[in-house]
Amino acid sequence: MNTREERFEAMLRDILNQYDSTVRKMDSLKAESKNKSVTFRQLLSSKLTLQNILAIYKTYGLIDENGNFPSD
């Protein structure tokens, strides 16, 4: 069974991966000049939500400015 800390770290890694994936998809759409499409706007909304979550993690020192786990 996973500990609470292990589950939290798995969730945090997933959010970081979702953020990176969203940014890559947005960059791809920008390269295709599709930055006004519905898909791009949905991705932008997701990116902003994920950024807000990550900002809270940074505030509490759970990740550093680069999105990495700080060394204890």
PDB file of N, CA and C in Angstrom:
ATOM      1  N   MET A   1       0.835  -1.177   0.000  1.00  0.00           N
ATOM      2  CA  MET A   1       0.000   0.000   0.000  1.00  0.00           C
ATOM      3  C   MET A   1       0.886   1.249   0.000  1.00  0.00           C
ATOM      4  N   ASN A   2       0.494   2.238  -0.756  1.00  0.00           N
ATOM      5  CA  ASN A   2       1.240   3.482  -0.815  1.00  0.00           C
ATOM      6  C   ASN A   2       0.936   4.347   0.390  1.00  0.00           C
ATOM      7  N   THR A   3       1.962   5.032   0.845  1.00  0.00           N
ATOM      8  CA  THR A   3       1.744   5.970   1.931  1.00  0.00           C
ATOM      9  C   THR A   3       1.115   7.235   1.376  1.00  0.00           C
ATOM     10  N   ARG A   4       0.625   8.047   2.260  1.00  0.00           N
ATOM     11  CA  ARG A   4       0.015   9.315   1.853  1.00  0.00           C
ATOM     12  C   ARG A   4       1.019  10.177   1.096  1.00  0.00           C
ATOM     13  N   GLU A   5       2.250  10.202   1.580  1.00  0.00           N
ATOM     14  CA  GLU A   5       3.293  10.993   0.918  1.00  0.00           C
ATOM     15  C   GLU A   5       3.571  10.474  -0.491  1.00  0.00           C
ATOM     16  N   GLU A   6       3.615   9.164  -0.660  1.00  0.00           N
ATOM     17  CA  GLU A   6       3.850   8.582  -1.988  1.00  0.00           C
ATOM     18  C   GLU A   6       2.711   8.920  -2.950  1.00  0.00           C
ATOM     19  N   ARG A   7       1.490   8.866  -2.458  1.00  0.00           N
ATOM     20  CA  ARG A   7       0.327   9.217  -3.299  1.00  0.00           C
ATOM     21  C   ARG A   7       0.365  10.693  -3.670  1.00  0.00           C
ATOM     22  N   PHE A   8       0.738  11.544  -2.721  1.00  0.00           N
ATOM     23  CA  PHE A   8       0.842  12.973  -3.004  1.00  0.00           C
ATOM     24  C   PHE A   8       1.900  13.231  -4.071  1.00  0.00           C
ATOM     25  N   GLU A   9       3.067  12.605  -3.921  1.00  0.00           N
ATOM     26  CA  GLU A   9       4.139  12.813  -4.888  1.00  0.00           C
ATOM     27  C   GLU A   9       3.753  12.298  -6.268  1.00  0.00           C
ATOM     28  N   ALA A  10       3.015  11.198  -6.325  1.00  0.00           N
ATOM     29  CA  ALA A  10       2.529  10.682  -7.609  1.00  0.00           C
ATOM     30  C   ALA A  10       1.563  11.683  -8.252  1.00  0.00           C
ATOM     31  N   MET A  11       0.681  12.267  -7.436  1.00  0.00           N
ATOM     32  CA  MET A  11      -0.256  13.266  -7.949  1.00  0.00           C
ATOM     33  C   MET A  11       0.495  14.486  -8.473  1.00  0.00           C
ATOM     34  N   LEU A  12       1.479  14.941  -7.724  1.00  0.00           N
ATOM     35  CA  LEU A  12       2.256  16.105  -8.127  1.00  0.00           C
ATOM     36  C   LEU A  12       2.998  15.838  -9.432  1.00  0.00           C
ATOM     37  N   ARG A  13       3.614  14.666  -9.561  1.00  0.00           N
ATOM     38  CA  ARG A  13       4.289  14.322 -10.818  1.00  0.00           C
ATOM     39  C   ARG A  13       3.302  14.314 -11.982  1.00  0.00           C
ATOM     40  N   ASP A  14       2.100  13.797 -11.740  1.00  0.00           N
ATOM     41  CA  ASP A  14       1.082  13.765 -12.784  1.00  0.00           C
ATOM     42  C   ASP A  14       0.691  15.175 -13.211  1.00  0.00           C
ATOM     43  N   ILE A  15       0.532  16.071 -12.270  1.00  0.00           N
ATOM     44  CA  ILE A  15       0.180  17.455 -12.600  1.00  0.00           C
ATOM     45  C   ILE A  15       1.307  18.115 -13.383  1.00  0.00           C
ATOM     46  N   LEU A  16       2.552  17.885 -12.980  1.00  0.00           N
ATOM     47  CA  LEU A  16       3.691  18.430 -13.727  1.00  0.00           C
ATOM     48  C   LEU A  16       3.719  17.876 -15.146  1.00  0.00           C
ATOM     49  N   ASN A  17       3.446  16.581 -15.303  1.00  0.00           N
ATOM     50  CA  ASN A  17       3.410  15.972 -16.640  1.00  0.00           C
ATOM     51  C   ASN A  17       2.267  16.527 -17.477  1.00  0.00           C
ATOM     52  N   GLN A  18       1.098  16.708 -16.859  1.00  0.00           N
ATOM     53  CA  GLN A  18      -0.042  17.289 -17.580  1.00  0.00           C
ATOM     54  C   GLN A  18       0.285  18.706 -18.048  1.00  0.00           C
ATOM     55  N   TYR A  19       0.938  19.479 -17.185  1.00  0.00           N
ATOM     56  CA  TYR A  19       1.305  20.845 -17.547  1.00  0.00           C
ATOM     57  C   TYR A  19       2.260  20.838 -18.746  1.00  0.00           C
ATOM     58  N   ASP A  20       3.303  20.013 -18.675  1.00  0.00           N
ATOM     59  CA  ASP A  20       4.267  19.943 -19.778  1.00  0.00           C
ATOM     60  C   ASP A  20       3.602  19.506 -21.075  1.00  0.00           C
ATOM     61  N   SER A  21       2.729  18.514 -21.000  1.00  0.00           N
ATOM     62  CA  SER A  21       2.023  18.029 -22.177  1.00  0.00           C
ATOM     63  C   SER A  21       1.133  19.120 -22.778  1.00  0.00           C
ATOM     64  N   THR A  22       0.451  19.849 -21.924  1.00  0.00           N
ATOM     65  CA  THR A  22      -0.438  20.921 -22.380  1.00  0.00           C
ATOM     66  C   THR A  22       0.362  22.001 -23.090  1.00  0.00           C
ATOM     67  N   VAL A  23       1.492  22.379 -22.523  1.00  0.00           N
ATOM     68  CA  VAL A  23       2.335  23.420 -23.138  1.00  0.00           C
ATOM     69  C   VAL A  23       2.846  22.944 -24.504  1.00  0.00           C
ATOM     70  N   ARG A  24       3.262  21.682 -24.600  1.00  0.00           N
ATOM     71  CA  ARG A  24       3.737  21.147 -25.880  1.00  0.00           C
ATOM     72  C   ARG A  24       2.630  21.173 -26.939  1.00  0.00           C
ATOM     73  N   LYS A  25       1.419  20.783 -26.554  1.00  0.00           N
ATOM     74  CA  LYS A  25       0.299  20.806 -27.499  1.00  0.00           C
ATOM     75  C   LYS A  25      -0.012  22.228 -27.942  1.00  0.00           C
ATOM     76  N   MET A  26       0.042  23.165 -27.012  1.00  0.00           N
ATOM     77  CA  MET A  26      -0.205  24.569 -27.359  1.00  0.00           C
ATOM     78  C   MET A  26       0.861  25.089 -28.319  1.00  0.00           C
ATOM     79  N   ASP A  27       2.120  24.740 -28.060  1.00  0.00           N
ATOM     80  CA  ASP A  27       3.208  25.163 -28.945  1.00  0.00           C
ATOM     81  C   ASP A  27       3.016  24.613 -30.352  1.00  0.00           C
ATOM     82  N   SER A  28       2.557  23.365 -30.424  1.00  0.00           N
ATOM     83  CA  SER A  28       2.311  22.749 -31.726  1.00  0.00           C
ATOM     84  C   SER A  28       1.200  23.499 -32.480  1.00  0.00           C
ATOM     85  N   LEU A  29       0.137  23.819 -31.770  1.00  0.00           N
ATOM     86  CA  LEU A  29      -0.960  24.568 -32.408  1.00  0.00           C
ATOM     87  C   LEU A  29      -0.510  25.972 -32.816  1.00  0.00           C
ATOM     88  N   LYS A  30       0.312  26.607 -32.000  1.00  0.00           N
ATOM     89  CA  LYS A  30       0.845  27.933 -32.360  1.00  0.00           C
ATOM     90  C   LYS A  30       1.657  27.848 -33.641  1.00  0.00           C
ATOM     91  N   ALA A  31       2.471  26.805 -33.764  1.00  0.00           N
ATOM     92  CA  ALA A  31       3.297  26.615 -34.954  1.00  0.00           C
ATOM     93  C   ALA A  31       2.439  26.454 -36.207  1.00  0.00           C
ATOM     94  N   GLU A  32       1.234  25.947 -36.028  1.00  0.00           N
ATOM     95  CA  GLU A  32       0.303  25.764 -37.146  1.00  0.00           C
ATOM     96  C   GLU A  32      -0.630  26.968 -37.297  1.00  0.00           C
ATOM     97  N   SER A  33      -0.351  28.041 -36.558  1.00  0.00           N
ATOM     98  CA  SER A  33      -1.192  29.255 -36.560  1.00  0.00           C
ATOM     99  C   SER A  33      -2.636  28.951 -36.184  1.00  0.00           C
ATOM    100  N   LYS A  34      -2.817  28.037 -35.244  1.00  0.00           N
ATOM    101  CA  LYS A  34      -4.156  27.667 -34.790  1.00  0.00           C
ATOM    102  C   LYS A  34      -4.377  28.145 -33.357  1.00  0.00           C
ATOM    103  N   ASN A  35      -3.792  29.303 -33.035  1.00  0.00           N
ATOM    104  CA  ASN A  35      -3.885  29.796 -31.667  1.00  0.00           C
ATOM    105  C   ASN A  35      -5.211  30.491 -31.352  1.00  0.00           C
ATOM    106  N   LYS A  36      -6.145  30.472 -32.277  1.00  0.00           N
ATOM    107  CA  LYS A  36      -7.482  31.000 -31.995  1.00  0.00           C
ATOM    108  C   LYS A  36      -8.529  29.897 -32.056  1.00  0.00           C
ATOM    109  N   SER A  37      -8.073  28.660 -32.159  1.00  0.00           N
ATOM    110  CA  SER A  37      -8.997  27.533 -32.258  1.00  0.00           C
ATOM    111  C   SER A  37      -9.595  27.209 -30.887  1.00  0.00           C
ATOM    112  N   VAL A  38     -10.688  26.486 -30.915  1.00  0.00           N
ATOM    113  CA  VAL A  38     -11.337  26.055 -29.677  1.00  0.00           C
ATOM    114  C   VAL A  38     -10.402  25.152 -28.881  1.00  0.00           C
ATOM    115  N   THR A  39      -9.712  24.271 -29.560  1.00  0.00           N
ATOM    116  CA  THR A  39      -8.780  23.372 -28.878  1.00  0.00           C
ATOM    117  C   THR A  39      -7.697  24.159 -28.153  1.00  0.00           C
ATOM    118  N   PHE A  40      -7.140  25.162 -28.814  1.00  0.00           N
ATOM    119  CA  PHE A  40      -6.100  25.978 -28.188  1.00  0.00           C
ATOM    120  C   PHE A  40      -6.654  26.673 -26.944  1.00  0.00           C
ATOM    121  N   ARG A  41      -7.851  27.196 -27.053  1.00  0.00           N
ATOM    122  CA  ARG A  41      -8.443  27.902 -25.908  1.00  0.00           C
ATOM    123  C   ARG A  41      -8.739  26.953 -24.744  1.00  0.00           C
ATOM    124  N   GLN A  42      -9.144  25.733 -25.064  1.00  0.00           N
ATOM    125  CA  GLN A  42      -9.356  24.733 -24.007  1.00  0.00           C
ATOM    126  C   GLN A  42      -8.036  24.386 -23.328  1.00  0.00           C
ATOM    127  N   LEU A  43      -6.993  24.239 -24.136  1.00  0.00           N
ATOM    128  CA  LEU A  43      -5.672  23.956 -23.579  1.00  0.00           C
ATOM    129  C   LEU A  43      -5.179  25.120 -22.719  1.00  0.00           C
ATOM    130  N   LEU A  44      -5.447  26.334 -23.168  1.00  0.00           N
ATOM    131  CA  LEU A  44      -5.054  27.512 -22.396  1.00  0.00           C
ATOM    132  C   LEU A  44      -5.748  27.516 -21.035  1.00  0.00           C
ATOM    133  N   SER A  45      -7.009  27.182 -21.022  1.00  0.00           N
ATOM    134  CA  SER A  45      -7.745  27.096 -19.764  1.00  0.00           C
ATOM    135  C   SER A  45      -7.136  26.048 -18.835  1.00  0.00           C
ATOM    136  N   SER A  46      -6.808  24.895 -19.392  1.00  0.00           N
ATOM    137  CA  SER A  46      -6.173  23.842 -18.594  1.00  0.00           C
ATOM    138  C   SER A  46      -4.814  24.290 -18.081  1.00  0.00           C
ATOM    139  N   LYS A  47      -4.046  24.945 -18.941  1.00  0.00           N
ATOM    140  CA  LYS A  47      -2.720  25.423 -18.545  1.00  0.00           C
ATOM    141  C   LYS A  47      -2.825  26.390 -17.369  1.00  0.00           C
ATOM    142  N   LEU A  48      -3.770  27.313 -17.433  1.00  0.00           N
ATOM    143  CA  LEU A  48      -3.930  28.290 -16.353  1.00  0.00           C
ATOM    144  C   LEU A  48      -4.344  27.609 -15.047  1.00  0.00           C
ATOM    145  N   THR A  49      -5.219  26.636 -15.139  1.00  0.00           N
ATOM    146  CA  THR A  49      -5.633  25.889 -13.941  1.00  0.00           C
ATOM    147  C   THR A  49      -4.444  25.154 -13.330  1.00  0.00           C
ATOM    148  N   LEU A  50      -3.678  24.477 -14.175  1.00  0.00           N
ATOM    149  CA  LEU A  50      -2.512  23.743 -13.686  1.00  0.00           C
ATOM    150  C   LEU A  50      -1.464  24.697 -13.113  1.00  0.00           C
ATOM    151  N   GLN A  51      -1.283  25.865 -13.740  1.00  0.00           N
ATOM    152  CA  GLN A  51      -0.351  26.869 -13.219  1.00  0.00           C
ATOM    153  C   GLN A  51      -0.760  27.317 -11.823  1.00  0.00           C
ATOM    154  N   ASN A  52      -2.045  27.507 -11.617  1.00  0.00           N
ATOM    155  CA  ASN A  52      -2.520  27.917 -10.296  1.00  0.00           C
ATOM    156  C   ASN A  52      -2.253  26.849  -9.245  1.00  0.00           C
ATOM    157  N   ILE A  53      -2.470  25.599  -9.603  1.00  0.00           N
ATOM    158  CA  ILE A  53      -2.188  24.499  -8.672  1.00  0.00           C
ATOM    159  C   ILE A  53      -0.702  24.467  -8.339  1.00  0.00           C
ATOM    160  N   LEU A  54       0.140  24.586  -9.365  1.00  0.00           N
ATOM    161  CA  LEU A  54       1.588  24.557  -9.149  1.00  0.00           C
ATOM    162  C   LEU A  54       2.058  25.758  -8.332  1.00  0.00           C
ATOM    163  N   ALA A  55       1.419  26.900  -8.507  1.00  0.00           N
ATOM    164  CA  ALA A  55       1.776  28.084  -7.715  1.00  0.00           C
ATOM    165  C   ALA A  55       1.506  27.845  -6.230  1.00  0.00           C
ATOM    166  N   ILE A  56       0.422  27.151  -5.925  1.00  0.00           N
ATOM    167  CA  ILE A  56       0.124  26.823  -4.528  1.00  0.00           C
ATOM    168  C   ILE A  56       1.196  25.895  -3.979  1.00  0.00           C
ATOM    169  N   TYR A  57       1.596  24.889  -4.771  1.00  0.00           N
ATOM    170  CA  TYR A  57       2.656  23.981  -4.329  1.00  0.00           C
ATOM    171  C   TYR A  57       3.946  24.750  -4.061  1.00  0.00           C
ATOM    172  N   LYS A  58       4.274  25.716  -4.924  1.00  0.00           N
ATOM    173  CA  LYS A  58       5.480  26.522  -4.727  1.00  0.00           C
ATOM    174  C   LYS A  58       5.374  27.350  -3.451  1.00  0.00           C
ATOM    175  N   THR A  59       4.205  27.917  -3.203  1.00  0.00           N
ATOM    176  CA  THR A  59       3.991  28.730  -2.006  1.00  0.00           C
ATOM    177  C   THR A  59       4.283  27.929  -0.744  1.00  0.00           C
ATOM    178  N   TYR A  60       3.916  26.677  -0.745  1.00  0.00           N
ATOM    179  CA  TYR A  60       4.121  25.823   0.425  1.00  0.00           C
ATOM    180  C   TYR A  60       5.463  25.087   0.404  1.00  0.00           C
ATOM    181  N   GLY A  61       6.314  25.402  -0.578  1.00  0.00           N
ATOM    182  CA  GLY A  61       7.638  24.806  -0.639  1.00  0.00           C
ATOM    183  C   GLY A  61       7.663  23.350  -1.046  1.00  0.00           C
ATOM    184  N   LEU A  62       6.605  22.891  -1.702  1.00  0.00           N
ATOM    185  CA  LEU A  62       6.538  21.497  -2.113  1.00  0.00           C
ATOM    186  C   LEU A  62       7.273  21.250  -3.424  1.00  0.00           C
ATOM    187  N   ILE A  63       7.438  22.304  -4.233  1.00  0.00           N
ATOM    188  CA  ILE A  63       8.275  22.254  -5.427  1.00  0.00           C
ATOM    189  C   ILE A  63       9.045  23.560  -5.488  1.00  0.00           C
ATOM    190  N   ASP A  64      10.174  23.549  -6.225  1.00  0.00           N
ATOM    191  CA  ASP A  64      10.950  24.782  -6.357  1.00  0.00           C
ATOM    192  C   ASP A  64      10.462  25.566  -7.583  1.00  0.00           C
ATOM    193  N   GLU A  65      11.162  26.638  -7.898  1.00  0.00           N
ATOM    194  CA  GLU A  65      10.743  27.504  -9.006  1.00  0.00           C
ATOM    195  C   GLU A  65      10.766  26.793 -10.366  1.00  0.00           C
ATOM    196  N   ASN A  66      11.550  25.725 -10.461  1.00  0.00           N
ATOM    197  CA  ASN A  66      11.649  24.978 -11.727  1.00  0.00           C
ATOM    198  C   ASN A  66      10.684  23.791 -11.775  1.00  0.00           C
ATOM    199  N   GLY A  67       9.858  23.648 -10.735  1.00  0.00           N
ATOM    200  CA  GLY A  67       8.904  22.552 -10.702  1.00  0.00           C
ATOM    201  C   GLY A  67       9.500  21.250 -10.218  1.00  0.00           C
ATOM    202  N   ASN A  68      10.677  21.322  -9.588  1.00  0.00           N
ATOM    203  CA  ASN A  68      11.333  20.122  -9.076  1.00  0.00           C
ATOM    204  C   ASN A  68      11.053  19.963  -7.593  1.00  0.00           C
ATOM    205  N   PHE A  69      11.135  18.727  -7.124  1.00  0.00           N
ATOM    206  CA  PHE A  69      10.995  18.469  -5.698  1.00  0.00           C
ATOM    207  C   PHE A  69      12.223  19.058  -5.005  1.00  0.00           C
ATOM    208  N   PRO A  70      12.040  19.887  -3.987  1.00  0.00           N
ATOM    209  CA  PRO A  70      13.215  20.413  -3.281  1.00  0.00           C
ATOM    210  C   PRO A  70      13.887  19.296  -2.492  1.00  0.00           C
ATOM    211  N   SER A  71      15.196  19.404  -2.377  1.00  0.00           N
ATOM    212  CA  SER A  71      15.914  18.401  -1.584  1.00  0.00           C
ATOM    213  C   SER A  71      15.812  18.780  -0.111  1.00  0.00           C
ATOM    214  N   ASP A  72      15.425  17.817   0.689  1.00  0.00           N
ATOM    215  CA  ASP A  72      15.252  18.063   2.133  1.00  0.00           C
ATOM    216  C   ASP A  72      16.546  17.829   2.863  1.00  0.00           C
TER     217      ASP A  72
END
